[in-house]
């Protein structure tokens, strides 16, 4: 639904949108759209915030893959609802760095998909799974990270790659400060989409 292209997409914000993936034809034959967001520019810096994503089946986002530059991504306070297939966040290559915080995942097969051939770096803390790695948020972005939350779906892959947040330290003044994930479903469904801002 959104592709940034091969050149740099600098300081882009994708906010307050409603992405409805229901369709009659789909990659997984389940009525859900595939390829939600494709970020593979030469030097992307993107914030994805306060969006409502409904009935998609993967690549939300897919980051990297062309091996032509770095991607720094902050995914914050989004509501992912009923995602099948590969689920939501898919960091593909070692040139992609994703901080995911304060998001709510409802019935999402894989909130963070483990792309095994060449997984990108993702830092995605979750409620109830605190580890010493969370301290890296304070070290690199100057504040505590806000954990993601989920109901349903896999809890098998919850990456906390320090490599994902260390490149964001130079941009910490541009990072949004999230609210608690538990407040996101009500807030986002009330504000995301046409005519609601």
C-alpha atoms as a PDB file:
ATOM      1  CA  UNK A   1       0.000   0.000   0.000  1.00  0.00           C
ATOM      2  CA  UNK A   2       2.989   2.315   0.554  1.00  0.00           C
ATOM      3  CA  UNK A   3       6.383   1.959  -1.127  1.00  0.00           C
ATOM      4  CA  UNK A   4       9.190   4.455  -0.468  1.00  0.00           C
ATOM      5  CA  UNK A   5      11.259   3.578  -3.542  1.00  0.00           C
ATOM      6  CA  UNK A   6      15.012   3.237  -3.961  1.00  0.00           C
ATOM      7  CA  UNK A   7      16.125   6.786  -3.118  1.00  0.00           C
ATOM      8  CA  UNK A   8      16.271   8.189   0.402  1.00  0.00           C
ATOM      9  CA  UNK A   9      12.981   8.950   2.140  1.00  0.00           C
ATOM     10  CA  UNK A  10      14.168  11.388   4.801  1.00  0.00           C
ATOM     11  CA  UNK A  11      12.134  12.256   7.910  1.00  0.00           C
ATOM     12  CA  UNK A  12       8.850  10.847   6.614  1.00  0.00           C
ATOM     13  CA  UNK A  13       5.863  10.325   8.936  1.00  0.00           C
ATOM     14  CA  UNK A  14       2.994   7.956   8.139  1.00  0.00           C
ATOM     15  CA  UNK A  15       0.379   8.799  10.748  1.00  0.00           C
ATOM     16  CA  UNK A  16      -3.315   8.490  11.614  1.00  0.00           C
ATOM     17  CA  UNK A  17      -4.270   6.307   8.653  1.00  0.00           C
ATOM     18  CA  UNK A  18      -6.699   3.408   8.418  1.00  0.00           C
ATOM     19  CA  UNK A  19      -5.314   0.569   6.306  1.00  0.00           C
ATOM     20  CA  UNK A  20      -8.124  -1.870   5.505  1.00  0.00           C
ATOM     21  CA  UNK A  21      -6.683  -4.968   3.862  1.00  0.00           C
ATOM     22  CA  UNK A  22      -9.897  -6.882   3.167  1.00  0.00           C
ATOM     23  CA  UNK A  23      -9.968  -8.157  -0.411  1.00  0.00           C
ATOM     24  CA  UNK A  24     -11.366 -10.999  -2.485  1.00  0.00           C
ATOM     25  CA  UNK A  25      -7.975 -12.117  -3.854  1.00  0.00           C
ATOM     26  CA  UNK A  26      -4.973 -12.513  -1.599  1.00  0.00           C
ATOM     27  CA  UNK A  27      -1.539 -14.149  -1.370  1.00  0.00           C
ATOM     28  CA  UNK A  28      -2.549 -16.498   1.448  1.00  0.00           C
ATOM     29  CA  UNK A  29      -6.122 -17.082   0.134  1.00  0.00           C
ATOM     30  CA  UNK A  30      -7.527 -15.658   3.370  1.00  0.00           C
ATOM     31  CA  UNK A  31      -9.046 -12.378   2.179  1.00  0.00           C
ATOM     32  CA  UNK A  32      -6.169 -10.266   3.566  1.00  0.00           C
ATOM     33  CA  UNK A  33      -3.916  -7.921   1.591  1.00  0.00           C
ATOM     34  CA  UNK A  34      -0.153  -8.622   1.489  1.00  0.00           C
ATOM     35  CA  UNK A  35       2.670  -6.066   1.121  1.00  0.00           C
ATOM     36  CA  UNK A  36       1.391  -3.323   3.402  1.00  0.00           C
ATOM     37  CA  UNK A  37       4.481  -1.094   3.613  1.00  0.00           C
ATOM     38  CA  UNK A  38       7.725  -1.592   1.679  1.00  0.00           C
ATOM     39  CA  UNK A  39      10.673   0.494   2.901  1.00  0.00           C
ATOM     40  CA  UNK A  40      13.901  -0.114   0.981  1.00  0.00           C
ATOM     41  CA  UNK A  41      15.345   3.297   0.178  1.00  0.00           C
ATOM     42  CA  UNK A  42      18.994   4.260   0.141  1.00  0.00           C
ATOM     43  CA  UNK A  43      18.836   6.043   3.504  1.00  0.00           C
ATOM     44  CA  UNK A  44      15.282   6.054   4.875  1.00  0.00           C
ATOM     45  CA  UNK A  45      14.308   7.697   8.152  1.00  0.00           C
ATOM     46  CA  UNK A  46      10.625   6.961   8.787  1.00  0.00           C
ATOM     47  CA  UNK A  47       8.126   7.222  11.628  1.00  0.00           C
ATOM     48  CA  UNK A  48       4.957   5.105  11.471  1.00  0.00           C
ATOM     49  CA  UNK A  49       2.550   6.221  14.197  1.00  0.00           C
ATOM     50  CA  UNK A  50      -1.088   6.030  15.302  1.00  0.00           C
ATOM     51  CA  UNK A  51      -2.266   3.947  12.354  1.00  0.00           C
ATOM     52  CA  UNK A  52      -5.020   1.337  12.361  1.00  0.00           C
ATOM     53  CA  UNK A  53      -4.008  -1.728  10.342  1.00  0.00           C
ATOM     54  CA  UNK A  54      -6.799  -4.235   9.740  1.00  0.00           C
ATOM     55  CA  UNK A  55      -6.771  -7.589   7.929  1.00  0.00           C
ATOM     56  CA  UNK A  56      -3.394  -7.666   6.243  1.00  0.00           C
ATOM     57  CA  UNK A  57      -1.128 -10.701   5.968  1.00  0.00           C
ATOM     58  CA  UNK A  58       2.426  -9.460   6.144  1.00  0.00           C
ATOM     59  CA  UNK A  59       5.082  -6.903   5.416  1.00  0.00           C
ATOM     60  CA  UNK A  60       3.763  -4.252   7.766  1.00  0.00           C
ATOM     61  CA  UNK A  61       6.430  -3.110   7.196  1.00  0.00           C
ATOM     62  CA  UNK A  62       8.990  -5.007   5.177  1.00  0.00           C
ATOM     63  CA  UNK A  63      12.306  -3.169   5.617  1.00  0.00           C
ATOM     64  CA  UNK A  64      15.355  -3.553   3.434  1.00  0.00           C
ATOM     65  CA  UNK A  65      16.116  -6.140   0.826  1.00  0.00           C
ATOM     66  CA  UNK A  66      17.880  -4.180  -1.875  1.00  0.00           C
ATOM     67  CA  UNK A  67      21.108  -3.878   0.162  1.00  0.00           C
ATOM     68  CA  UNK A  68      21.562  -0.316  -1.028  1.00  0.00           C
ATOM     69  CA  UNK A  69      21.438   1.633   2.208  1.00  0.00           C
ATOM     70  CA  UNK A  70      20.239   1.878   5.775  1.00  0.00           C
ATOM     71  CA  UNK A  71      16.687   2.191   7.017  1.00  0.00           C
ATOM     72  CA  UNK A  72      15.961   3.730  10.417  1.00  0.00           C
ATOM     73  CA  UNK A  73      12.372   3.130  11.450  1.00  0.00           C
ATOM     74  CA  UNK A  74      10.283   4.047  14.497  1.00  0.00           C
ATOM     75  CA  UNK A  75       6.975   2.150  14.681  1.00  0.00           C
ATOM     76  CA  UNK A  76       4.994   3.649  17.532  1.00  0.00           C
ATOM     77  CA  UNK A  77       1.447   3.472  18.934  1.00  0.00           C
ATOM     78  CA  UNK A  78      -0.129   1.609  16.015  1.00  0.00           C
ATOM     79  CA  UNK A  79      -3.039  -0.816  16.312  1.00  0.00           C
ATOM     80  CA  UNK A  80      -2.568  -4.031  14.328  1.00  0.00           C
ATOM     81  CA  UNK A  81      -5.864  -5.947  14.217  1.00  0.00           C
ATOM     82  CA  UNK A  82      -6.381  -9.452  12.773  1.00  0.00           C
ATOM     83  CA  UNK A  83      -3.216  -9.981  10.743  1.00  0.00           C
ATOM     84  CA  UNK A  84      -2.628 -13.403   9.227  1.00  0.00           C
ATOM     85  CA  UNK A  85       0.238 -15.000   7.294  1.00  0.00           C
ATOM     86  CA  UNK A  86       3.552 -13.436   8.247  1.00  0.00           C
ATOM     87  CA  UNK A  87       1.804 -10.946  10.504  1.00  0.00           C
ATOM     88  CA  UNK A  88       3.233  -7.492  11.063  1.00  0.00           C
ATOM     89  CA  UNK A  89       6.833  -6.241  11.383  1.00  0.00           C
ATOM     90  CA  UNK A  90       9.296  -7.847   8.973  1.00  0.00           C
ATOM     91  CA  UNK A  91      12.862  -6.550   9.220  1.00  0.00           C
ATOM     92  CA  UNK A  92      14.573  -8.286   6.336  1.00  0.00           C
ATOM     93  CA  UNK A  93      18.210  -7.221   6.099  1.00  0.00           C
ATOM     94  CA  UNK A  94      21.054  -6.196   8.357  1.00  0.00           C
ATOM     95  CA  UNK A  95      20.809  -2.656   6.989  1.00  0.00           C
ATOM     96  CA  UNK A  96      17.390  -2.092   8.585  1.00  0.00           C
ATOM     97  CA  UNK A  97      17.012  -0.812  12.140  1.00  0.00           C
ATOM     98  CA  UNK A  98      13.535  -0.801  13.694  1.00  0.00           C
ATOM     99  CA  UNK A  99      12.357   0.393  17.105  1.00  0.00           C
ATOM    100  CA  UNK A 100       8.796  -0.803  17.758  1.00  0.00           C
ATOM    101  CA  UNK A 101       7.149   0.482  20.926  1.00  0.00           C
ATOM    102  CA  UNK A 102       3.721   1.150  22.359  1.00  0.00           C
ATOM    103  CA  UNK A 103       1.961  -0.829  19.619  1.00  0.00           C
ATOM    104  CA  UNK A 104      -1.004  -3.121  20.242  1.00  0.00           C
ATOM    105  CA  UNK A 105      -1.309  -6.410  18.345  1.00  0.00           C
ATOM    106  CA  UNK A 106      -4.721  -8.130  18.392  1.00  0.00           C
ATOM    107  CA  UNK A 107      -4.949 -11.566  16.768  1.00  0.00           C
ATOM    108  CA  UNK A 108      -1.700 -11.080  14.853  1.00  0.00           C
ATOM    109  CA  UNK A 109      -0.038 -14.338  13.790  1.00  0.00           C
ATOM    110  CA  UNK A 110       3.473 -12.938  14.277  1.00  0.00           C
ATOM    111  CA  UNK A 111       3.755  -9.421  15.742  1.00  0.00           C
ATOM    112  CA  UNK A 112       7.426  -9.529  14.715  1.00  0.00           C
ATOM    113  CA  UNK A 113       8.219 -11.961  11.917  1.00  0.00           C
ATOM    114  CA  UNK A 114      11.550 -13.779  12.052  1.00  0.00           C
ATOM    115  CA  UNK A 115      12.803 -13.603   8.495  1.00  0.00           C
ATOM    116  CA  UNK A 116      15.341 -16.368   8.918  1.00  0.00           C
ATOM    117  CA  UNK A 117      17.502 -15.961   5.813  1.00  0.00           C
ATOM    118  CA  UNK A 118      18.774 -12.489   6.774  1.00  0.00           C
ATOM    119  CA  UNK A 119      16.761 -10.929   9.627  1.00  0.00           C
ATOM    120  CA  UNK A 120      17.058  -7.208  10.173  1.00  0.00           C
ATOM    121  CA  UNK A 121      17.612  -5.613  13.549  1.00  0.00           C
ATOM    122  CA  UNK A 122      14.467  -5.003  15.599  1.00  0.00           C
ATOM    123  CA  UNK A 123      14.087  -3.779  19.169  1.00  0.00           C
ATOM    124  CA  UNK A 124      10.543  -4.690  20.257  1.00  0.00           C
ATOM    125  CA  UNK A 125       9.930  -4.907  24.022  1.00  0.00           C
ATOM    126  CA  UNK A 126       6.655  -6.481  25.151  1.00  0.00           C
ATOM    127  CA  UNK A 127       4.616  -6.169  28.338  1.00  0.00           C
ATOM    128  CA  UNK A 128       5.533  -8.879  30.824  1.00  0.00           C
ATOM    129  CA  UNK A 129       8.814  -9.780  29.139  1.00  0.00           C
ATOM    130  CA  UNK A 130      11.204  -7.245  30.640  1.00  0.00           C
ATOM    131  CA  UNK A 131      14.900  -8.060  30.411  1.00  0.00           C
ATOM    132  CA  UNK A 132      18.134  -6.235  31.142  1.00  0.00           C
ATOM    133  CA  UNK A 133      18.278  -5.268  27.445  1.00  0.00           C
ATOM    134  CA  UNK A 134      15.516  -2.713  28.073  1.00  0.00           C
ATOM    135  CA  UNK A 135      18.138  -0.514  29.755  1.00  0.00           C
ATOM    136  CA  UNK A 136      19.566   0.100  26.286  1.00  0.00           C
ATOM    137  CA  UNK A 137      16.648   2.433  25.563  1.00  0.00           C
ATOM    138  CA  UNK A 138      17.804   4.846  28.249  1.00  0.00           C
ATOM    139  CA  UNK A 139      21.385   4.551  27.017  1.00  0.00           C
ATOM    140  CA  UNK A 140      20.671   5.260  23.349  1.00  0.00           C
ATOM    141  CA  UNK A 141      17.470   7.311  23.174  1.00  0.00           C
ATOM    142  CA  UNK A 142      17.527   8.940  26.605  1.00  0.00           C
ATOM    143  CA  UNK A 143      14.280   7.502  27.949  1.00  0.00           C
ATOM    144  CA  UNK A 144      12.649   4.190  28.780  1.00  0.00           C
ATOM    145  CA  UNK A 145      11.046   2.336  25.889  1.00  0.00           C
ATOM    146  CA  UNK A 146       7.296   1.793  26.094  1.00  0.00           C
ATOM    147  CA  UNK A 147       6.481  -1.912  25.693  1.00  0.00           C
ATOM    148  CA  UNK A 148       4.195  -3.313  23.031  1.00  0.00           C
ATOM    149  CA  UNK A 149       1.230  -5.461  24.034  1.00  0.00           C
ATOM    150  CA  UNK A 150      -0.746  -8.207  22.367  1.00  0.00           C
ATOM    151  CA  UNK A 151      -3.768 -10.466  22.651  1.00  0.00           C
ATOM    152  CA  UNK A 152      -3.475 -13.672  20.639  1.00  0.00           C
ATOM    153  CA  UNK A 153      -0.721 -14.601  18.225  1.00  0.00           C
ATOM    154  CA  UNK A 154       2.776 -15.930  18.702  1.00  0.00           C
ATOM    155  CA  UNK A 155       5.078 -14.808  21.496  1.00  0.00           C
ATOM    156  CA  UNK A 156       8.012 -16.830  20.179  1.00  0.00           C
ATOM    157  CA  UNK A 157      10.034 -14.015  18.600  1.00  0.00           C
ATOM    158  CA  UNK A 158      10.472 -10.819  20.593  1.00  0.00           C
ATOM    159  CA  UNK A 159      13.819  -9.428  19.454  1.00  0.00           C
ATOM    160  CA  UNK A 160      15.746  -6.891  21.514  1.00  0.00           C
ATOM    161  CA  UNK A 161      18.642  -6.150  19.187  1.00  0.00           C
ATOM    162  CA  UNK A 162      20.792  -3.355  20.566  1.00  0.00           C
ATOM    163  CA  UNK A 163      21.930  -2.810  16.971  1.00  0.00           C
ATOM    164  CA  UNK A 164      18.407  -1.593  16.181  1.00  0.00           C
ATOM    165  CA  UNK A 165      18.414   1.336  18.603  1.00  0.00           C
ATOM    166  CA  UNK A 166      22.048   2.441  18.657  1.00  0.00           C
ATOM    167  CA  UNK A 167      21.742   4.049  15.151  1.00  0.00           C
ATOM    168  CA  UNK A 168      18.729   6.024  16.425  1.00  0.00           C
ATOM    169  CA  UNK A 169      20.704   7.845  19.114  1.00  0.00           C
ATOM    170  CA  UNK A 170      21.642  10.615  16.675  1.00  0.00           C
ATOM    171  CA  UNK A 171      17.938  11.167  15.946  1.00  0.00           C
ATOM    172  CA  UNK A 172      16.497  10.794  19.459  1.00  0.00           C
ATOM    173  CA  UNK A 173      15.134  14.344  19.517  1.00  0.00           C
ATOM    174  CA  UNK A 174      12.932  13.410  16.546  1.00  0.00           C
ATOM    175  CA  UNK A 175      11.506  10.238  18.120  1.00  0.00           C
ATOM    176  CA  UNK A 176       7.934  10.363  19.372  1.00  0.00           C
ATOM    177  CA  UNK A 177       7.267   9.566  23.021  1.00  0.00           C
ATOM    178  CA  UNK A 178       4.657   6.788  23.051  1.00  0.00           C
ATOM    179  CA  UNK A 179       1.711   6.286  25.345  1.00  0.00           C
ATOM    180  CA  UNK A 180       0.901   2.894  26.866  1.00  0.00           C
ATOM    181  CA  UNK A 181      -0.051   0.200  24.367  1.00  0.00           C
ATOM    182  CA  UNK A 182      -3.197  -0.685  26.342  1.00  0.00           C
ATOM    183  CA  UNK A 183      -4.725   2.689  25.388  1.00  0.00           C
ATOM    184  CA  UNK A 184      -4.014   2.320  21.673  1.00  0.00           C
ATOM    185  CA  UNK A 185      -7.001   0.317  20.321  1.00  0.00           C
ATOM    186  CA  UNK A 186      -9.568   2.854  21.538  1.00  0.00           C
ATOM    187  CA  UNK A 187      -7.475   5.889  20.734  1.00  0.00           C
ATOM    188  CA  UNK A 188      -6.432   4.838  17.237  1.00  0.00           C
ATOM    189  CA  UNK A 189      -9.835   3.580  16.070  1.00  0.00           C
ATOM    190  CA  UNK A 190     -11.298   6.923  17.165  1.00  0.00           C
ATOM    191  CA  UNK A 191      -8.705   9.030  15.352  1.00  0.00           C
ATOM    192  CA  UNK A 192      -7.310   7.129  12.359  1.00  0.00           C
ATOM    193  CA  UNK A 193      -8.775   7.483   8.904  1.00  0.00           C
ATOM    194  CA  UNK A 194     -10.469  10.001   6.655  1.00  0.00           C
ATOM    195  CA  UNK A 195     -12.244  12.891   8.362  1.00  0.00           C
ATOM    196  CA  UNK A 196     -11.163  12.028  11.895  1.00  0.00           C
ATOM    197  CA  UNK A 197      -8.237  14.422  12.410  1.00  0.00           C
END
